[in-house]
C-alpha atoms as a PDB file:
ATOM      1  CA  MET A   1      85.017  82.179 118.442  1.00  0.00           C
ATOM      2  CA  ASN A   2      87.208  81.433 115.419  1.00  0.00           C
ATOM      3  CA  GLY A   3      84.731  83.277 113.200  1.00  0.00           C
ATOM      4  CA  ILE A   4      84.904  86.361 115.418  1.00  0.00           C
ATOM      5  CA  LEU A   5      88.707  86.326 115.403  1.00  0.00           C
ATOM      6  CA  PHE A   6      88.745  85.932 111.628  1.00  0.00           C
ATOM      7  CA  ALA A   7      86.244  88.755 111.082  1.00  0.00           C
ATOM      8  CA  LEU A   8      88.181  91.091 113.402  1.00  0.00           C
ATOM      9  CA  THR A   9      91.410  90.374 111.554  1.00  0.00           C
ATOM     10  CA  VAL A  10      89.827  91.040 108.160  1.00  0.00           C
ATOM     11  CA  VAL A  11      88.142  94.281 109.251  1.00  0.00           C
ATOM     12  CA  ILE A  12      91.172  95.644 111.120  1.00  0.00           C
ATOM     13  CA  TRP A  13      93.738  94.884 108.449  1.00  0.00           C
ATOM     14  CA  GLY A  14      91.329  95.968 105.755  1.00  0.00           C
ATOM     15  CA  THR A  15      91.216  99.458 107.260  1.00  0.00           C
ATOM     16  CA  THR A  16      94.964  99.876 107.784  1.00  0.00           C
ATOM     17  CA  TRP A  17      95.574 100.704 104.109  1.00  0.00           C
ATOM     18  CA  ILE A  18      93.987 104.129 104.449  1.00  0.00           C
ATOM     19  CA  ALA A  19      95.989 104.818 107.608  1.00  0.00           C
ATOM     20  CA  ILE A  20      99.223 103.820 105.849  1.00  0.00           C
ATOM     21  CA  ALA A  21      98.362 106.131 102.951  1.00  0.00           C
ATOM     22  CA  LEU A  22      97.958 108.992 105.430  1.00  0.00           C
ATOM     23  CA  GLN A  23     101.548 108.384 106.606  1.00  0.00           C
ATOM     24  CA  VAL A  24     103.050 108.730 103.143  1.00  0.00           C
ATOM     25  CA  GLY A  25     104.993 111.959 102.937  1.00  0.00           C
ATOM     26  CA  PRO A  26     108.150 113.533 104.332  1.00  0.00           C
ATOM     27  CA  VAL A  27     108.849 110.845 106.964  1.00  0.00           C
ATOM     28  CA  PRO A  28     111.208 108.093 105.670  1.00  0.00           C
ATOM     29  CA  VAL A  29     109.865 104.544 105.557  1.00  0.00           C
ATOM     30  CA  LEU A  30     112.232 103.238 108.235  1.00  0.00           C
ATOM     31  CA  VAL A  31     111.211 106.004 110.601  1.00  0.00           C
ATOM     32  CA  SER A  32     107.478 105.554 109.967  1.00  0.00           C
ATOM     33  CA  VAL A  33     107.676 101.819 110.604  1.00  0.00           C
ATOM     34  CA  PHE A  34     109.779 102.505 113.722  1.00  0.00           C
ATOM     35  CA  TYR A  35     107.201 104.975 115.067  1.00  0.00           C
ATOM     36  CA  ARG A  36     104.477 102.393 114.513  1.00  0.00           C
ATOM     37  CA  PHE A  37     106.112  99.478 116.301  1.00  0.00           C
ATOM     38  CA  ALA A  38     107.815 101.509 119.029  1.00  0.00           C
ATOM     39  CA  THR A  39     104.386 102.858 119.956  1.00  0.00           C
ATOM     40  CA  ALA A  40     102.751  99.429 119.617  1.00  0.00           C
ATOM     41  CA  GLY A  41     105.436  97.743 121.709  1.00  0.00           C
ATOM     42  CA  LEU A  42     105.215 100.304 124.504  1.00  0.00           C
ATOM     43  CA  VAL A  43     101.397 100.145 124.589  1.00  0.00           C
ATOM     44  CA  PHE A  44     101.366  96.354 124.553  1.00  0.00           C
ATOM     45  CA  LEU A  45     104.051  95.915 127.236  1.00  0.00           C
ATOM     46  CA  ALA A  46     102.410  98.541 129.438  1.00  0.00           C
ATOM     47  CA  ALA A  47      99.010  96.853 129.101  1.00  0.00           C
ATOM     48  CA  LEU A  48     100.447  93.481 130.076  1.00  0.00           C
ATOM     49  CA  ALA A  49     102.295  95.033 133.032  1.00  0.00           C
ATOM     50  CA  LEU A  50      99.165  96.825 134.289  1.00  0.00           C
ATOM     51  CA  THR A  51      97.130  93.609 134.119  1.00  0.00           C
ATOM     52  CA  GLY A  52      99.852  91.550 135.813  1.00  0.00           C
ATOM     53  CA  ARG A  53     100.459  89.388 132.736  1.00  0.00           C
ATOM     54  CA  LEU A  54     103.875  90.676 131.713  1.00  0.00           C
ATOM     55  CA  ARG A  55     106.366  87.817 131.623  1.00  0.00           C
ATOM     56  CA  LEU A  56     109.835  87.574 130.119  1.00  0.00           C
ATOM     57  CA  PRO A  57     110.118  84.328 128.168  1.00  0.00           C
ATOM     58  CA  GLY A  58     113.078  82.085 128.935  1.00  0.00           C
ATOM     59  CA  ARG A  59     116.451  82.461 127.263  1.00  0.00           C
ATOM     60  CA  ALA A  60     115.856  79.458 125.002  1.00  0.00           C
ATOM     61  CA  HIS A  61     112.830  81.200 123.435  1.00  0.00           C
ATOM     62  CA  GLN A  62     114.504  84.573 122.856  1.00  0.00           C
ATOM     63  CA  PRO A  63     116.014  83.762 119.414  1.00  0.00           C
ATOM     64  CA  TRP A  64     112.592  82.625 118.210  1.00  0.00           C
ATOM     65  CA  ILE A  65     110.917  85.779 119.484  1.00  0.00           C
ATOM     66  CA  LEU A  66     113.576  87.839 117.696  1.00  0.00           C
ATOM     67  CA  ALA A  67     112.974  85.854 114.502  1.00  0.00           C
ATOM     68  CA  GLN A  68     109.246  86.526 114.733  1.00  0.00           C
ATOM     69  CA  ALA A  69     109.952  90.201 115.370  1.00  0.00           C
ATOM     70  CA  LEU A  70     112.144  90.533 112.287  1.00  0.00           C
ATOM     71  CA  CYS A  71     109.695  88.696 110.035  1.00  0.00           C
ATOM     72  CA  LEU A  72     106.421  90.239 111.236  1.00  0.00           C
ATOM     73  CA  PHE A  73     107.272  93.584 112.842  1.00  0.00           C
ATOM     74  CA  CYS A  74     110.259  94.863 110.903  1.00  0.00           C
ATOM     75  CA  LEU A  75     111.633  93.572 107.592  1.00  0.00           C
ATOM     76  CA  ASN A  76     108.332  92.646 105.969  1.00  0.00           C
ATOM     77  CA  PHE A  77     106.872  96.114 106.524  1.00  0.00           C
ATOM     78  CA  ILE A  78     109.998  97.746 105.133  1.00  0.00           C
ATOM     79  CA  CYS A  79     109.446  95.698 101.974  1.00  0.00           C
ATOM     80  CA  PHE A  80     105.753  96.615 101.696  1.00  0.00           C
ATOM     81  CA  TYR A  81     106.291 100.322 102.329  1.00  0.00           C
ATOM     82  CA  GLU A  82     109.128 100.442  99.790  1.00  0.00           C
ATOM     83  CA  ALA A  83     107.059  98.479  97.262  1.00  0.00           C
ATOM     84  CA  ALA A  84     104.323 101.098  97.567  1.00  0.00           C
ATOM     85  CA  ALA A  85     106.717 103.613  96.036  1.00  0.00           C
ATOM     86  CA  HIS A  86     106.824 101.572  92.819  1.00  0.00           C
ATOM     87  CA  ILE A  87     103.481  99.841  92.336  1.00  0.00           C
ATOM     88  CA  PRO A  88      99.822 100.512  93.274  1.00  0.00           C
ATOM     89  CA  SER A  89      98.601  99.321  96.649  1.00  0.00           C
ATOM     90  CA  GLY A  90      95.998  97.128  94.958  1.00  0.00           C
ATOM     91  CA  LEU A  91      98.752  95.213  93.212  1.00  0.00           C
ATOM     92  CA  ILE A  92     100.567  94.778  96.533  1.00  0.00           C
ATOM     93  CA  SER A  93      97.331  93.361  97.965  1.00  0.00           C
ATOM     94  CA  VAL A  94      97.156  90.826  95.149  1.00  0.00           C
ATOM     95  CA  ILE A  95     100.734  89.733  95.816  1.00  0.00           C
ATOM     96  CA  PHE A  96     100.180  89.647  99.581  1.00  0.00           C
ATOM     97  CA  SER A  97      97.191  87.355  99.084  1.00  0.00           C
ATOM     98  CA  LEU A  98      99.716  84.714  98.018  1.00  0.00           C
ATOM     99  CA  ALA A  99     100.421  84.313 101.739  1.00  0.00           C
ATOM    100  CA  THR A 100      97.844  81.512 101.602  1.00  0.00           C
ATOM    101  CA  VAL A 101     100.073  79.637  99.169  1.00  0.00           C
ATOM    102  CA  PHE A 102     103.312  80.507 100.999  1.00  0.00           C
ATOM    103  CA  ASN A 103     101.817  79.322 104.288  1.00  0.00           C
ATOM    104  CA  ALA A 104     100.608  76.041 102.829  1.00  0.00           C
ATOM    105  CA  VAL A 105     104.035  75.324 101.319  1.00  0.00           C
ATOM    106  CA  ASN A 106     105.984  76.431 104.394  1.00  0.00           C
ATOM    107  CA  ALA A 107     103.727  74.446 106.731  1.00  0.00           C
ATOM    108  CA  ARG A 108     104.484  71.420 104.583  1.00  0.00           C
ATOM    109  CA  LEU A 109     108.252  72.095 104.671  1.00  0.00           C
ATOM    110  CA  PHE A 110     108.571  72.932 108.377  1.00  0.00           C
ATOM    111  CA  PHE A 111     105.770  70.924 109.993  1.00  0.00           C
ATOM    112  CA  GLY A 112     104.895  68.223 107.503  1.00  0.00           C
ATOM    113  CA  ASP A 113     101.318  69.434 107.041  1.00  0.00           C
ATOM    114  CA  PRO A 114      99.552  68.046 103.968  1.00  0.00           C
ATOM    115  CA  ILE A 115      98.570  70.509 101.248  1.00  0.00           C
ATOM    116  CA  THR A 116      94.917  69.677 100.764  1.00  0.00           C
ATOM    117  CA  ARG A 117      92.899  70.125  97.599  1.00  0.00           C
ATOM    118  CA  ARG A 118      90.538  72.372  99.585  1.00  0.00           C
ATOM    119  CA  THR A 119      93.429  74.720 100.432  1.00  0.00           C
ATOM    120  CA  LEU A 120      94.688  74.780  96.843  1.00  0.00           C
ATOM    121  CA  LEU A 121      91.234  75.429  95.389  1.00  0.00           C
ATOM    122  CA  ALA A 122      90.379  78.151  97.930  1.00  0.00           C
ATOM    123  CA  SER A 123      93.741  79.855  97.407  1.00  0.00           C
ATOM    124  CA  ALA A 124      93.359  79.725  93.628  1.00  0.00           C
ATOM    125  CA  LEU A 125      89.868  81.225  93.797  1.00  0.00           C
ATOM    126  CA  GLY A 126      90.983  83.939  96.206  1.00  0.00           C
ATOM    127  CA  VAL A 127      94.025  84.964  94.198  1.00  0.00           C
ATOM    128  CA  ALA A 128      92.065  84.856  90.924  1.00  0.00           C
ATOM    129  CA  GLY A 129      89.391  87.020  92.517  1.00  0.00           C
ATOM    130  CA  LEU A 130      91.910  89.653  93.563  1.00  0.00           C
ATOM    131  CA  VAL A 131      93.501  89.639  90.125  1.00  0.00           C
ATOM    132  CA  PHE A 132      90.101  90.541  88.673  1.00  0.00           C
ATOM    133  CA  LEU A 133      89.460  93.064  91.450  1.00  0.00           C
ATOM    134  CA  PHE A 134      92.739  94.896  90.879  1.00  0.00           C
ATOM    135  CA  GLY A 135      93.387  93.943  87.248  1.00  0.00           C
ATOM    136  CA  ARG A 136      93.236  97.525  86.093  1.00  0.00           C
ATOM    137  CA  ASP A 137      96.072  98.377  88.481  1.00  0.00           C
ATOM    138  CA  PHE A 138      98.267  96.167  86.324  1.00  0.00           C
ATOM    139  CA  ALA A 139      97.334  98.221  83.292  1.00  0.00           C
ATOM    140  CA  VAL A 140      98.260 101.559  84.884  1.00  0.00           C
ATOM    141  CA  ALA A 141     101.430 100.351  86.634  1.00  0.00           C
ATOM    142  CA  GLN A 142     104.475 102.295  85.493  1.00  0.00           C
ATOM    143  CA  PRO A 143     107.183 100.167  83.862  1.00  0.00           C
ATOM    144  CA  ASP A 144     110.027 101.871  85.728  1.00  0.00           C
ATOM    145  CA  GLY A 145     110.492 100.163  89.062  1.00  0.00           C
ATOM    146  CA  THR A 146     107.486  97.850  88.625  1.00  0.00           C
ATOM    147  CA  LEU A 147     109.621  94.721  88.731  1.00  0.00           C
ATOM    148  CA  ALA A 148     111.388  95.972  91.858  1.00  0.00           C
ATOM    149  CA  GLY A 149     108.030  96.713  93.483  1.00  0.00           C
ATOM    150  CA  ILE A 150     106.704  93.239  92.671  1.00  0.00           C
ATOM    151  CA  GLY A 151     109.892  91.660  94.026  1.00  0.00           C
ATOM    152  CA  LEU A 152     109.736  93.677  97.251  1.00  0.00           C
ATOM    153  CA  ALA A 153     106.069  92.824  97.798  1.00  0.00           C
ATOM    154  CA  GLY A 154     106.808  89.150  97.143  1.00  0.00           C
ATOM    155  CA  LEU A 155     109.721  89.212  99.597  1.00  0.00           C
ATOM    156  CA  GLY A 156     107.548  90.922 102.207  1.00  0.00           C
ATOM    157  CA  THR A 157     104.904  88.226 101.770  1.00  0.00           C
ATOM    158  CA  LEU A 158     107.501  85.474 102.142  1.00  0.00           C
ATOM    159  CA  LEU A 159     108.801  87.093 105.345  1.00  0.00           C
ATOM    160  CA  PHE A 160     105.231  87.358 106.656  1.00  0.00           C
ATOM    161  CA  SER A 161     104.720  83.648 105.982  1.00  0.00           C
ATOM    162  CA  LEU A 162     107.973  82.710 107.700  1.00  0.00           C
ATOM    163  CA  GLY A 163     106.849  84.804 110.661  1.00  0.00           C
ATOM    164  CA  ASN A 164     103.668  82.718 110.729  1.00  0.00           C
ATOM    165  CA  MET A 165     105.771  79.571 110.957  1.00  0.00           C
ATOM    166  CA  VAL A 166     107.823  80.989 113.836  1.00  0.00           C
ATOM    167  CA  SER A 167     104.637  82.092 115.592  1.00  0.00           C
ATOM    168  CA  ARG A 168     103.257  78.584 115.238  1.00  0.00           C
ATOM    169  CA  ARG A 169     106.412  77.195 116.823  1.00  0.00           C
ATOM    170  CA  ASN A 170     106.183  79.689 119.669  1.00  0.00           C
ATOM    171  CA  SER A 171     102.537  78.823 120.333  1.00  0.00           C
ATOM    172  CA  ALA A 172     103.353  75.106 120.305  1.00  0.00           C
ATOM    173  CA  ALA A 173     106.078  75.819 122.881  1.00  0.00           C
ATOM    174  CA  GLY A 174     103.411  77.229 125.203  1.00  0.00           C
ATOM    175  CA  LEU A 175     104.187  80.925 124.719  1.00  0.00           C
ATOM    176  CA  PRO A 176     101.047  83.122 124.816  1.00  0.00           C
ATOM    177  CA  PRO A 177     100.629  85.101 121.552  1.00  0.00           C
ATOM    178  CA  ALA A 178     100.116  88.352 123.500  1.00  0.00           C
ATOM    179  CA  THR A 179     103.430  87.932 125.320  1.00  0.00           C
ATOM    180  CA  VAL A 180     105.361  87.086 122.160  1.00  0.00           C
ATOM    181  CA  ASN A 181     103.744  89.929 120.214  1.00  0.00           C
ATOM    182  CA  ALA A 182     104.476  92.505 122.913  1.00  0.00           C
ATOM    183  CA  TRP A 183     108.148  91.612 123.187  1.00  0.00           C
ATOM    184  CA  GLY A 184     108.372  91.017 119.448  1.00  0.00           C
ATOM    185  CA  MET A 185     107.104  94.500 118.610  1.00  0.00           C
ATOM    186  CA  GLY A 186     109.617  95.940 121.056  1.00  0.00           C
ATOM    187  CA  TYR A 187     112.433  93.916 119.482  1.00  0.00           C
ATOM    188  CA  GLY A 188     111.232  94.954 116.029  1.00  0.00           C
ATOM    189  CA  ALA A 189     111.351  98.615 117.029  1.00  0.00           C
ATOM    190  CA  LEU A 190     114.908  98.209 118.338  1.00  0.00           C
ATOM    191  CA  ALA A 191     115.952  96.509 115.092  1.00  0.00           C
ATOM    192  CA  LEU A 192     114.407  99.352 113.100  1.00  0.00           C
ATOM    193  CA  LEU A 193     116.205 101.918 115.273  1.00  0.00           C
ATOM    194  CA  ALA A 194     119.490 100.127 114.607  1.00  0.00           C
ATOM    195  CA  LEU A 195     118.794 100.210 110.854  1.00  0.00           C
ATOM    196  CA  ILE A 196     117.989 103.935 111.031  1.00  0.00           C
ATOM    197  CA  PHE A 197     121.347 104.730 112.603  1.00  0.00           C
ATOM    198  CA  ALA A 198     123.260 102.232 110.453  1.00  0.00           C
ATOM    199  CA  THR A 199     121.889 103.744 107.233  1.00  0.00           C
ATOM    200  CA  GLY A 200     122.051 107.358 108.381  1.00  0.00           C
ATOM    201  CA  THR A 201     118.323 107.814 107.783  1.00  0.00           C
ATOM    202  CA  PRO A 202     117.165 111.222 109.045  1.00  0.00           C
ATOM    203  CA  VAL A 203     114.690 111.042 111.929  1.00  0.00           C
ATOM    204  CA  VAL A 204     111.837 113.318 110.899  1.00  0.00           C
ATOM    205  CA  ALA A 205     109.273 114.303 113.538  1.00  0.00           C
ATOM    206  CA  PRO A 206     105.610 113.458 112.880  1.00  0.00           C
ATOM    207  CA  PRO A 207     104.397 116.311 110.661  1.00  0.00           C
ATOM    208  CA  GLY A 208     100.894 116.809 112.042  1.00  0.00           C
ATOM    209  CA  ALA A 209      97.733 115.528 113.691  1.00  0.00           C
ATOM    210  CA  THR A 210      96.689 113.423 110.688  1.00  0.00           C
ATOM    211  CA  TYR A 211      99.979 111.559 110.662  1.00  0.00           C
ATOM    212  CA  ILE A 212      99.896 111.025 114.437  1.00  0.00           C
ATOM    213  CA  GLY A 213      96.294 109.783 114.318  1.00  0.00           C
ATOM    214  CA  ALA A 214      97.144 107.327 111.545  1.00  0.00           C
ATOM    215  CA  MET A 215     100.226 106.164 113.434  1.00  0.00           C
ATOM    216  CA  LEU A 216      98.243 105.544 116.624  1.00  0.00           C
ATOM    217  CA  TYR A 217      95.588 103.619 114.726  1.00  0.00           C
ATOM    218  CA  LEU A 218      98.215 101.463 113.011  1.00  0.00           C
ATOM    219  CA  ALA A 219     100.091 100.912 116.272  1.00  0.00           C
ATOM    220  CA  VAL A 220      97.209 100.121 118.626  1.00  0.00           C
ATOM    221  CA  ILE A 221      94.453  98.722 116.398  1.00  0.00           C
ATOM    222  CA  GLY A 222      96.394  97.497 113.369  1.00  0.00           C
ATOM    223  CA  SER A 223      99.351  96.059 115.283  1.00  0.00           C
ATOM    224  CA  VAL A 224      98.444  95.305 118.916  1.00  0.00           C
ATOM    225  CA  VAL A 225      94.880  94.114 118.286  1.00  0.00           C
ATOM    226  CA  GLY A 226      95.190  92.952 114.663  1.00  0.00           C
ATOM    227  CA  PHE A 227      98.316  90.833 115.018  1.00  0.00           C
ATOM    228  CA  THR A 228      97.073  89.314 118.269  1.00  0.00           C
ATOM    229  CA  THR A 229      93.773  88.197 116.746  1.00  0.00           C
ATOM    230  CA  TYR A 230      95.560  86.866 113.671  1.00  0.00           C
ATOM    231  CA  LEU A 231      98.239  84.902 115.524  1.00  0.00           C
ATOM    232  CA  VAL A 232      95.687  83.489 117.971  1.00  0.00           C
ATOM    233  CA  LEU A 233      93.808  82.359 114.868  1.00  0.00           C
ATOM    234  CA  VAL A 234      96.996  80.747 113.513  1.00  0.00           C
ATOM    235  CA  ALA A 235      97.354  78.818 116.767  1.00  0.00           C
ATOM    236  CA  ARG A 236      93.675  77.721 116.719  1.00  0.00           C
ATOM    237  CA  ILE A 237      92.982  76.819 113.078  1.00  0.00           C
ATOM    238  CA  GLY A 238      96.410  76.605 111.457  1.00  0.00           C
ATOM    239  CA  SER A 239      98.481  78.953 109.325  1.00  0.00           C
ATOM    240  CA  SER A 240      97.008  77.931 105.959  1.00  0.00           C
ATOM    241  CA  ARG A 241      93.395  78.667 106.880  1.00  0.00           C
ATOM    242  CA  ALA A 242      94.205  81.757 108.938  1.00  0.00           C
ATOM    243  CA  ALA A 243      96.161  83.253 106.045  1.00  0.00           C
ATOM    244  CA  TYR A 244      92.966  83.402 103.986  1.00  0.00           C
ATOM    245  CA  ALA A 245      92.306  86.654 105.855  1.00  0.00           C
ATOM    246  CA  THR A 246      94.994  88.147 103.596  1.00  0.00           C
ATOM    247  CA  VAL A 247      92.730  87.411 100.629  1.00  0.00           C
ATOM    248  CA  LEU A 248      89.675  89.081 102.145  1.00  0.00           C
ATOM    249  CA  PHE A 249      91.070  92.209 103.793  1.00  0.00           C
ATOM    250  CA  PRO A 250      91.813  93.932 100.444  1.00  0.00           C
ATOM    251  CA  ILE A 251      88.079  93.641  99.755  1.00  0.00           C
ATOM    252  CA  VAL A 252      87.421  95.708 102.897  1.00  0.00           C
ATOM    253  CA  ALA A 253      90.008  98.207 101.685  1.00  0.00           C
ATOM    254  CA  LEU A 254      88.266  98.357  98.319  1.00  0.00           C
ATOM    255  CA  ALA A 255      84.892  99.018  99.971  1.00  0.00           C
ATOM    256  CA  LEU A 256      86.407 101.891 101.961  1.00  0.00           C
ATOM    257  CA  SER A 257      88.001 103.221  98.800  1.00  0.00           C
ATOM    258  CA  THR A 258      84.563 103.222  97.170  1.00  0.00           C
ATOM    259  CA  ILE A 259      83.159 105.345 100.009  1.00  0.00           C
ATOM    260  CA  PHE A 260      86.051 107.726 100.667  1.00  0.00           C
ATOM    261  CA  GLU A 261      88.116 107.770  97.479  1.00  0.00           C
ATOM    262  CA  GLY A 262      85.478 107.432  94.773  1.00  0.00           C
ATOM    263  CA  TYR A 263      86.557 104.015  93.513  1.00  0.00           C
ATOM    264  CA  GLU A 264      84.454 103.090  90.451  1.00  0.00           C
ATOM    265  CA  TRP A 265      83.297  99.499  90.170  1.00  0.00           C
ATOM    266  CA  HIS A 266      83.712  97.564  86.938  1.00  0.00           C
ATOM    267  CA  TRP A 267      82.301  94.187  85.934  1.00  0.00           C
ATOM    268  CA  SER A 268      85.706  92.609  86.494  1.00  0.00           C
ATOM    269  CA  GLY A 269      85.762  93.926  90.078  1.00  0.00           C
ATOM    270  CA  ALA A 270      82.327  92.501  90.845  1.00  0.00           C
ATOM    271  CA  PHE A 271      83.328  89.154  89.331  1.00  0.00           C
ATOM    272  CA  GLY A 272      86.549  89.149  91.339  1.00  0.00           C
ATOM    273  CA  LEU A 273      84.635  89.845  94.538  1.00  0.00           C
ATOM    274  CA  CYS A 274      82.400  86.837  93.873  1.00  0.00           C
ATOM    275  CA  LEU A 275      85.429  84.604  93.245  1.00  0.00           C
ATOM    276  CA  ALA A 276      87.117  85.689  96.483  1.00  0.00           C
ATOM    277  CA  LEU A 277      83.958  85.090  98.503  1.00  0.00           C
ATOM    278  CA  LEU A 278      83.523  81.682  96.877  1.00  0.00           C
ATOM    279  CA  GLY A 279      87.065  80.837  97.918  1.00  0.00           C
ATOM    280  CA  ASN A 280      86.130  81.804 101.467  1.00  0.00           C
ATOM    281  CA  VAL A 281      83.205  79.373 101.366  1.00  0.00           C
ATOM    282  CA  VAL A 282      85.418  76.582 100.019  1.00  0.00           C
ATOM    283  CA  MET A 283      88.011  77.154 102.754  1.00  0.00           C
ATOM    284  CA  PHE A 284      85.741  77.418 105.771  1.00  0.00           C
ATOM    285  CA  VAL A 285      82.404  75.716 105.160  1.00  0.00           C
ATOM    286  CA  GLN A 286      82.753  72.096 106.233  1.00  0.00           C
ATOM    287  CA  PRO A 287      80.392  69.622 104.559  1.00  0.00           C
ATOM    288  CA  ARG A 288      78.100  67.876 107.022  1.00  0.00           C
ATOM    289  CA  ARG A 289      78.462  64.151 107.404  1.00  0.00           C
ATOM    290  CA  ILE A 290      75.317  62.043 107.450  1.00  0.00           C
ATOM    291  CA  TRP A 291      74.965  58.327 107.910  1.00  0.00           C
ATOM    292  CA  THR A 292      73.191  56.325 105.286  1.00  0.00           C
ATOM    293  CA  ARG A 293      72.817  52.577 105.698  1.00  0.00           C
ATOM    294  CA  GLY A 294      75.604  52.504 108.214  1.00  0.00           C
ATOM    295  CA  ARG A 295      78.064  54.266 105.926  1.00  0.00           C
ATOM    296  CA  PRO A 296      79.137  57.934 106.115  1.00  0.00           C
ATOM    297  CA  ALA A 297      78.177  60.159 103.240  1.00  0.00           C
ATOM    298  CA  LEU A 298      78.810  63.811 102.562  1.00  0.00           C
ATOM    299  CA  ASN A 299      75.916  66.186 102.365  1.00  0.00           C
END
């Protein structure tokens, strides 16, 4: 079951990059992110209501749901969308892959989890692999605004990791991930709407069928399904191991780019792909224990 959840998360989030690219245009970032999570929140809440599973968490949990909403369904996406205006998406993927490291450190700070050598090695291999995969993006990055783009992507990744920690707390408190996500996406949309009015951002209508199709895919598949599978995975296997999906989903995006955008492979990309997959093996393949002469040994 964990493998299925992990694979779904990687495939879904790996395909959202193309949908996000289709939204780039005349609609401001705040408005695009609002459209996404307003739609996702309405779909999710309606689905729970129709299946009789819609519940309003108690007052004591509301601040934590709001915190998760701001970290996962609002501020982090503002950072990533704004970063995309300054640096290539491949570079943002490399930075976002550091979520494995952020999660390991934050889990240690907030929950006392040990940072294992397996986690460190797998994270190092994954990040190194993505650096090789997208190394040429560094070479073509424009100097103007590059530092701002890197900072925004790093801040978005930190917010994503903090959202993972809040989600872990909410799961430990007995709150179903679907319930928290549904309300959280609604709260995130309201926060985005408040930012739109506070900043005087013009509300531009969706410009066409392509934009609307991309928005619906991001809202329903990328947000409702993708975040649910990911946060269920966080609750089942822990934030550090679940975050390794952030290392693999850019590989899916790269494969799609090869098919639809004519991405040309280079030896460094192939080597990076091997490193990332090796990191996946290190993180998830557990050595079998065998007994030899009454003593456990690793095989």
